[in-house]
Protein backbone atom coordinates (compact mmCIF):
# COMPACT_ATOMS: atom_id res chain seq x y z
CA MET A 1 90.36 122.78 111.08
CA ASN A 2 90.17 118.99 110.54
CA ARG A 3 92.05 116.22 112.33
CA PHE A 4 94.64 115.89 109.56
CA LEU A 5 95.71 119.52 109.36
CA SER A 6 95.88 119.73 113.15
CA ARG A 7 98.60 117.06 113.06
CA LEU A 8 100.52 118.40 110.08
CA LEU A 9 102.86 120.96 111.65
CA TYR A 10 104.37 121.78 114.97
CA PRO A 11 105.14 123.63 117.24
CA VAL A 12 101.73 124.39 118.68
CA ALA A 13 102.02 128.14 118.11
CA VAL A 14 101.91 127.52 114.37
CA LEU A 15 98.87 125.28 114.73
CA ALA A 16 96.92 128.13 116.27
CA LEU A 17 97.72 130.34 113.29
CA LEU A 18 96.75 127.59 110.86
CA ALA A 19 93.48 126.99 112.71
CA ALA A 20 92.55 130.65 112.41
CA GLY A 21 93.30 130.62 108.70
CA CYS A 22 91.48 127.36 107.94
CA SER A 23 88.12 128.15 109.56
CA SER A 24 86.41 128.83 106.22
CA THR A 25 88.07 126.09 104.16
CA PRO A 26 85.46 124.34 101.96
CA GLY A 27 84.72 120.68 102.53
CA PRO A 28 85.85 117.76 100.39
CA ALA A 29 84.90 117.73 96.73
CA ASP A 30 81.88 115.64 95.78
CA LEU A 31 82.57 112.19 94.43
CA VAL A 32 82.51 112.07 90.63
CA ASP A 33 80.38 109.57 88.76
CA PHE A 34 82.06 106.99 86.55
CA THR A 35 81.48 103.50 85.16
CA PRO A 36 83.69 101.01 87.05
CA SER A 37 85.98 98.89 84.91
CA ILE A 38 86.85 96.51 87.78
CA GLU A 39 85.26 95.35 91.04
CA LEU A 40 86.90 96.28 94.33
CA HIS A 41 85.85 93.25 96.40
CA LYS A 42 85.86 93.39 100.19
CA VAL A 43 87.39 90.08 101.32
CA TRP A 44 87.05 90.65 105.07
CA LYS A 45 86.62 93.34 107.70
CA VAL A 46 87.81 93.18 111.32
CA SER A 47 87.34 95.86 113.96
CA VAL A 48 90.21 96.72 116.28
CA GLY A 49 89.74 100.07 118.00
CA ASP A 50 89.81 103.83 117.57
CA ALA A 51 93.00 105.66 116.55
CA ASP A 52 92.11 108.72 118.63
CA ASP A 53 94.57 111.49 117.63
CA TYR A 54 97.12 109.14 116.08
CA VAL A 55 97.61 107.36 112.77
CA PHE A 56 97.81 103.58 113.11
CA GLN A 57 99.44 101.72 110.25
CA PRO A 58 98.77 97.98 109.91
CA ALA A 59 101.59 95.59 109.01
CA ALA A 60 101.08 92.80 106.49
CA VAL A 61 103.49 89.83 106.66
CA ASP A 62 102.87 86.68 104.62
CA ASP A 63 99.27 85.61 105.35
CA SER A 64 98.78 87.76 108.46
CA VAL A 65 97.88 91.36 109.22
CA TYR A 66 98.95 92.92 112.51
CA ALA A 67 97.15 96.01 113.79
CA ALA A 68 96.78 98.12 116.92
CA ASP A 69 94.67 100.90 118.40
CA ALA A 70 95.19 103.86 120.72
CA GLY A 71 93.72 102.00 123.69
CA GLY A 72 96.56 99.46 123.72
CA ARG A 73 94.97 96.59 121.81
CA VAL A 74 97.14 94.61 119.34
CA VAL A 75 95.76 91.86 117.08
CA ARG A 76 96.93 89.31 114.55
CA ILE A 77 94.42 88.61 111.78
CA GLU A 78 94.41 85.53 109.55
CA ASN A 79 91.70 84.81 106.95
CA GLY A 80 89.55 87.57 108.39
CA LYS A 81 89.67 86.15 111.95
CA LYS A 82 91.64 87.27 114.98
CA LYS A 83 94.27 84.63 115.68
CA TRP A 84 95.23 86.45 118.88
CA GLU A 85 94.45 89.70 120.64
CA VAL A 86 96.37 91.22 123.53
CA LYS A 87 95.94 94.36 125.60
CA THR A 88 99.18 96.13 126.41
CA ARG A 89 99.52 98.18 129.56
CA GLY A 90 98.96 101.81 128.64
CA ARG A 91 97.89 103.64 125.50
CA LEU A 92 99.71 103.40 122.17
CA SER A 93 100.83 106.20 119.85
CA ALA A 94 102.11 104.42 116.74
CA GLY A 95 101.14 101.65 114.37
CA VAL A 96 102.68 98.24 114.07
CA GLY A 97 106.06 97.06 112.89
CA ALA A 98 106.31 93.31 112.22
CA ASP A 99 108.62 90.81 110.51
CA GLY A 100 106.93 87.47 111.16
CA ASP A 101 108.88 86.91 114.38
CA LEU A 102 108.34 90.14 116.31
CA VAL A 103 105.48 92.62 116.51
CA ILE A 104 106.53 96.04 117.80
CA VAL A 105 104.30 98.85 119.07
CA VAL A 106 105.12 101.99 121.06
CA SER A 107 103.23 103.48 124.00
CA GLU A 108 102.39 107.11 124.71
CA ALA A 109 104.83 106.88 127.62
CA GLY A 110 107.70 106.10 125.24
CA GLN A 111 107.95 102.35 125.76
CA ALA A 112 108.71 100.04 122.84
CA ILE A 113 106.80 96.78 123.36
CA ALA A 114 107.84 93.60 121.55
CA LEU A 115 105.32 90.78 121.16
CA ASP A 116 105.81 87.28 119.82
CA ALA A 117 104.25 87.20 116.35
CA GLY A 118 103.06 83.62 116.80
CA THR A 119 101.36 83.92 120.19
CA GLY A 120 101.11 87.61 121.12
CA ALA A 121 103.12 86.98 124.31
CA GLU A 122 105.28 89.88 125.44
CA ARG A 123 108.99 89.39 124.71
CA TRP A 124 110.42 92.65 126.11
CA ARG A 125 109.85 96.32 126.86
CA ALA A 126 112.30 99.17 126.40
CA ASN A 127 111.99 102.74 127.64
CA VAL A 128 113.09 105.05 124.83
CA GLY A 129 112.12 108.37 126.43
CA ALA A 130 110.63 109.84 123.26
CA GLU A 131 107.30 110.28 121.52
CA VAL A 132 107.02 107.90 118.55
CA LEU A 133 104.35 108.41 115.89
CA ALA A 134 105.72 106.26 113.05
CA PRO A 135 105.53 102.46 112.75
CA PRO A 136 108.76 100.79 113.92
CA ALA A 137 110.99 99.21 111.27
CA ILE A 138 112.62 95.79 111.78
CA GLY A 139 115.60 94.39 109.90
CA GLY A 140 119.12 93.07 110.33
CA GLY A 141 118.52 92.24 113.99
CA VAL A 142 117.60 95.87 114.75
CA VAL A 143 114.33 97.62 115.62
CA ILE A 144 114.40 101.26 114.50
CA LEU A 145 112.11 103.80 116.12
CA ARG A 146 111.66 107.24 114.58
CA ALA A 147 110.83 109.78 117.31
CA SER A 148 108.62 112.79 116.66
CA ASP A 149 111.70 115.04 117.02
CA HIS A 150 113.23 112.95 114.19
CA LYS A 151 115.81 111.09 116.30
CA LEU A 152 116.38 107.48 115.25
CA ILE A 153 116.72 104.90 118.02
CA GLY A 154 118.20 101.52 117.15
CA LEU A 155 117.28 98.67 119.52
CA GLU A 156 118.50 95.09 119.60
CA ALA A 157 115.66 92.97 118.23
CA ARG A 158 116.44 90.09 120.62
CA ASP A 159 116.14 92.01 123.91
CA GLY A 160 115.33 95.70 123.31
CA ARG A 161 118.71 96.99 124.44
CA GLN A 162 119.67 100.25 122.75
CA ARG A 163 122.35 99.69 120.13
CA TRP A 164 122.68 103.25 118.80
CA LEU A 165 121.12 106.71 118.62
CA TYR A 166 121.12 108.91 115.53
CA GLN A 167 120.27 112.60 115.68
CA ARG A 168 121.00 115.72 113.66
CA ASN A 169 120.24 119.42 113.83
CA MET A 170 116.67 120.19 112.84
CA PRO A 171 115.03 123.39 111.58
CA PRO A 172 112.75 125.23 114.06
CA LEU A 173 109.61 124.11 112.22
CA ALA A 174 108.94 120.65 110.78
CA LEU A 175 106.15 118.39 109.60
CA ARG A 176 104.74 116.16 112.31
CA SER A 177 105.54 113.01 110.43
CA HIS A 178 104.08 109.50 110.65
CA ALA A 179 106.53 108.25 108.01
CA SER A 180 108.59 105.23 108.94
CA VAL A 181 112.08 104.09 107.98
CA LEU A 182 112.84 101.98 104.91
CA ILE A 183 115.34 99.17 105.55
CA VAL A 184 117.25 97.98 102.48
CA ASP A 185 119.89 95.31 103.08
CA ASP A 186 122.14 96.72 105.84
CA ILE A 187 121.04 100.35 105.71
CA ALA A 188 118.05 102.42 106.79
CA LEU A 189 116.81 105.14 104.44
CA VAL A 190 115.15 108.09 106.14
CA GLY A 191 113.66 111.34 104.91
CA PHE A 192 114.36 114.34 107.16
CA PRO A 193 113.29 117.95 107.60
CA GLY A 194 115.25 120.28 105.38
CA GLY A 195 114.83 118.07 102.33
CA LYS A 196 117.47 115.42 103.12
CA VAL A 197 117.40 111.68 102.50
CA VAL A 198 119.99 109.95 104.67
CA ALA A 199 121.35 106.40 104.64
CA VAL A 200 122.13 105.16 108.16
CA SER A 201 124.09 102.02 109.03
CA LEU A 202 122.03 99.33 110.78
CA GLU A 203 125.17 98.18 112.55
CA ASN A 204 126.14 101.38 114.37
CA GLY A 205 123.75 104.18 113.32
CA GLY A 206 126.44 106.07 111.45
CA ASP A 207 125.90 108.29 108.41
CA LEU A 208 126.72 106.53 105.15
CA TRP A 209 125.57 109.17 102.66
CA GLU A 210 122.89 111.81 102.16
CA LEU A 211 120.98 113.30 99.24
CA ASN A 212 119.56 116.81 98.88
CA VAL A 213 116.03 116.43 97.52
CA SER A 214 115.35 120.14 98.05
CA ARG A 215 116.65 123.10 100.01
CA PRO A 216 114.52 125.35 102.24
CA ARG A 217 113.59 128.67 100.64
CA GLY A 218 111.42 131.60 101.63
CA ALA A 219 111.37 134.55 104.01
CA THR A 220 109.54 132.94 106.94
CA GLU A 221 110.06 129.68 108.83
CA LEU A 222 106.70 128.43 107.57
CA GLU A 223 107.71 129.13 103.96
CA ARG A 224 111.01 127.34 104.58
CA VAL A 225 109.44 124.03 105.63
CA ALA A 226 110.80 121.60 103.02
CA ASP A 227 110.61 118.22 104.74
CA VAL A 228 110.76 114.89 102.95
CA ALA A 229 107.18 113.58 102.88
CA GLY A 230 106.54 109.91 103.46
CA THR A 231 109.17 107.20 103.15
CA PRO A 232 111.73 107.30 100.31
CA VAL A 233 111.15 104.71 97.58
CA VAL A 234 113.83 102.50 96.03
CA SER A 235 113.95 100.50 92.82
CA ARG A 236 117.01 99.00 91.18
CA ASN A 237 119.80 101.47 92.02
CA GLU A 238 117.57 104.51 92.26
CA VAL A 239 116.20 106.42 95.25
CA CYS A 240 113.24 108.79 94.84
CA ALA A 241 111.65 111.16 97.35
CA VAL A 242 109.39 114.20 97.48
CA THR A 243 109.27 117.14 99.87
CA TYR A 244 106.68 119.55 101.14
CA GLN A 245 107.05 122.94 99.45
CA GLY A 246 110.07 121.73 97.52
CA ARG A 247 110.82 119.14 94.87
CA VAL A 248 110.47 115.56 93.79
CA ALA A 249 113.69 113.94 92.64
CA CYS A 250 115.21 110.60 91.70
CA PHE A 251 118.88 109.84 92.32
CA ASN A 252 121.45 107.27 91.34
CA ALA A 253 122.17 105.65 94.71
CA GLY A 254 125.64 104.60 93.60
CA ASN A 255 127.04 108.10 93.02
CA GLY A 256 124.36 110.40 94.46
CA ASN A 257 123.76 112.20 91.16
CA ALA A 258 120.25 113.42 90.45
CA ILE A 259 118.64 111.65 87.49
CA TRP A 260 115.91 114.28 87.37
CA ALA A 261 114.17 116.73 89.69
CA ARG A 262 111.24 119.13 89.47
CA ASP A 263 109.30 121.46 91.72
CA PHE A 264 106.57 119.72 93.69
CA SER A 265 104.86 119.79 97.08
CA SER A 266 103.40 116.85 98.98
CA HIS A 267 102.89 116.04 102.64
CA VAL A 268 101.95 112.36 102.14
CA GLY A 269 104.64 111.01 99.82
CA MET A 270 104.91 108.88 96.71
CA ASP A 271 105.27 105.42 95.17
CA ARG A 272 107.04 104.24 92.03
CA ASP A 273 107.47 101.32 89.70
CA ALA A 274 109.53 100.73 86.55
CA ARG A 275 107.49 103.25 84.53
CA PHE A 276 106.02 105.91 86.80
CA ALA A 277 106.56 107.89 89.94
CA VAL A 278 103.09 108.51 91.39
CA LEU A 279 102.47 111.34 93.85
CA VAL A 280 99.69 113.18 95.64
CA ASP A 281 100.28 116.92 95.82
CA GLU A 282 99.11 119.33 98.53
CA ARG A 283 95.89 120.01 96.57
CA ASP A 284 95.02 116.29 96.44
CA SER A 285 95.86 115.97 92.78
CA VAL A 286 97.21 112.52 91.90
CA GLN A 287 100.00 112.72 89.33
CA ALA A 288 102.07 110.17 87.44
CA LEU A 289 105.53 111.25 86.27
CA ASP A 290 107.70 109.40 83.79
CA ILE A 291 110.30 107.61 85.94
CA TYR A 292 113.12 108.37 83.47
CA SER A 293 112.48 112.08 82.90
CA GLY A 294 110.03 113.39 85.51
CA VAL A 295 107.67 114.62 82.78
CA THR A 296 103.97 114.45 83.72
CA ALA A 297 102.28 111.43 82.14
CA TRP A 298 98.84 112.13 83.61
CA ARG A 299 97.07 113.84 86.48
CA GLN A 300 93.76 113.22 88.22
CA ASP A 301 92.34 116.46 89.65
CA ALA A 302 88.83 115.31 90.60
CA MET A 303 89.46 114.80 94.35
CA PRO A 304 90.42 118.20 95.82
CA ARG A 305 90.27 118.52 99.62
CA ARG A 306 89.51 114.81 100.05
CA GLN A 307 92.65 114.37 102.23
CA LEU A 308 94.20 111.58 100.18
CA THR A 309 96.70 109.11 101.56
CA ARG A 310 100.08 108.28 100.13
CA PRO A 311 99.43 106.48 96.81
CA LEU A 312 100.13 102.79 96.32
CA ILE A 313 100.80 101.22 92.93
CA PHE A 314 99.04 97.86 92.71
CA ASP A 315 99.32 95.89 89.46
CA ASP A 316 97.78 98.10 86.75
CA TYR A 317 96.25 100.52 89.23
CA VAL A 318 97.02 103.30 91.67
CA LEU A 319 95.04 103.38 94.88
CA VAL A 320 94.52 106.06 97.50
CA GLY A 321 92.34 106.29 100.60
CA ASP A 322 90.55 109.48 101.59
CA GLY A 323 89.20 111.43 104.56
CA GLU A 324 85.69 109.98 104.22
CA GLY A 325 86.74 106.34 104.27
CA TYR A 326 86.72 105.71 100.51
CA VAL A 327 89.30 103.74 98.56
CA HIS A 328 89.80 105.01 95.00
CA MET A 329 91.35 102.88 92.26
CA LEU A 330 92.81 104.72 89.27
CA SER A 331 94.18 103.32 86.04
CA ARG A 332 97.97 103.34 86.15
CA GLU A 333 98.00 104.14 82.42
CA ASP A 334 95.91 107.31 82.31
CA GLY A 335 94.64 108.10 85.84
CA SER A 336 90.97 107.47 85.02
CA PHE A 337 88.73 106.11 87.78
CA ALA A 338 88.49 102.32 87.73
CA ALA A 339 86.70 101.47 91.00
CA ARG A 340 85.66 102.87 94.36
CA ALA A 341 84.67 101.31 97.71
CA ARG A 342 84.04 102.58 101.22
CA ALA A 343 85.78 100.91 104.15
CA ASP A 344 83.67 102.77 106.72
CA SER A 345 82.48 106.33 107.41
CA SER A 346 85.72 107.42 109.12
CA ALA A 347 88.91 108.57 107.44
CA ILE A 348 91.67 106.41 106.04
CA ALA A 349 94.75 108.28 107.22
CA ALA A 350 97.34 105.49 107.15
CA GLU A 351 98.67 104.46 103.77
CA PRO A 352 97.27 101.24 102.23
CA ARG A 353 99.42 98.12 102.48
CA LEU A 354 99.85 95.37 99.89
CA PHE A 355 98.51 92.07 101.23
CA GLY A 356 98.09 88.72 99.51
CA ASN A 357 96.40 89.24 96.15
CA GLY A 358 95.21 92.69 97.16
CA PHE A 359 95.70 95.25 99.87
CA VAL A 360 94.53 96.24 103.34
CA VAL A 361 93.55 99.59 104.89
CA GLN A 362 92.93 100.78 108.45
CA THR A 363 90.43 103.54 109.27
CA LEU A 364 90.50 106.01 112.15
CA ASP A 365 87.56 104.16 113.74
CA GLY A 366 89.66 101.00 113.73
CA ASP A 367 88.25 98.88 110.92
CA ILE A 368 90.86 96.75 109.16
CA VAL A 369 89.56 95.97 105.65
CA ALA A 370 91.13 93.66 103.07
CA TYR A 371 90.32 94.08 99.37
CA GLU A 372 90.94 92.21 96.15
CA VAL A 373 90.49 93.43 92.59
CA ARG A 374 88.14 91.40 90.40
CA ARG A 375 88.06 92.03 86.67
């Protein structure tokens, strides 16, 4: 069983069963030939360090990219050069949260570490007593950590003091999620096990409202896993999310009514714009759904078992990374292949991030690569 599936579910007892059942799974599909319609230009490449058994997500803020590795190294990159590099004490378990003032990482020992974005100097440390796998979120004077048991921990951005703790009852089996928290104005939007999207107050961590994307169904606990995959997406007054073994749905955030919903299963999540919701299903099929009706506009089925990342809509294209280090660019209009490039020979597990006039990816071997599209 590969590194991605071994991190997908817990508890460990289930992993052993999955490992036994996945021993004969075929490898990734061969790359298909096509004539590129655009050039995916590599602007720069900077090496940080290995991700080990974690997924490290870079953060892009203005003209800088912040990244980290499992060994405790954190860097700020500008114009393809390291502006600063620091080594934190101890190993890290989660990627970077940054807002231009603070850079936040979390150690294996459960310490949140705040660095000055300008210099890399340490501002504060806070013991949170939990494993954190998702990048921290920063907004409204609060740093939000999502623990692997799905607790949310709100810390004061100025000094790391705990402001609030949010927790809820969880099902016995859940996805081992690397999805972060989306901060919109004065709320945090979070997808939870059991198919719930919840709005939490930044001020006090209280429930504001929740949406039922899907409900668990099935005879066994494994069949009943229906967790929200990835981070919910928001546009205008609409919230969309997708679950594993459940549904994809878009809601009116004002009244909580579903605009549309349909059966779907994803463990990486989705993106959307004013026309399409774009998703990767559990078979690595990339699909675009009409944002007003949920009807399939197109699907790209040529990448089975390639362990695709969460999709990212970029201008007229949809991009995904894969388990062999490739970045694939698809036409947003019809899903046809437009370009392909390889960051390095290791997997891209973290979702791509928009950056400047292009985007940036981080591989498991620790290469941070910035791309631009040239027509």
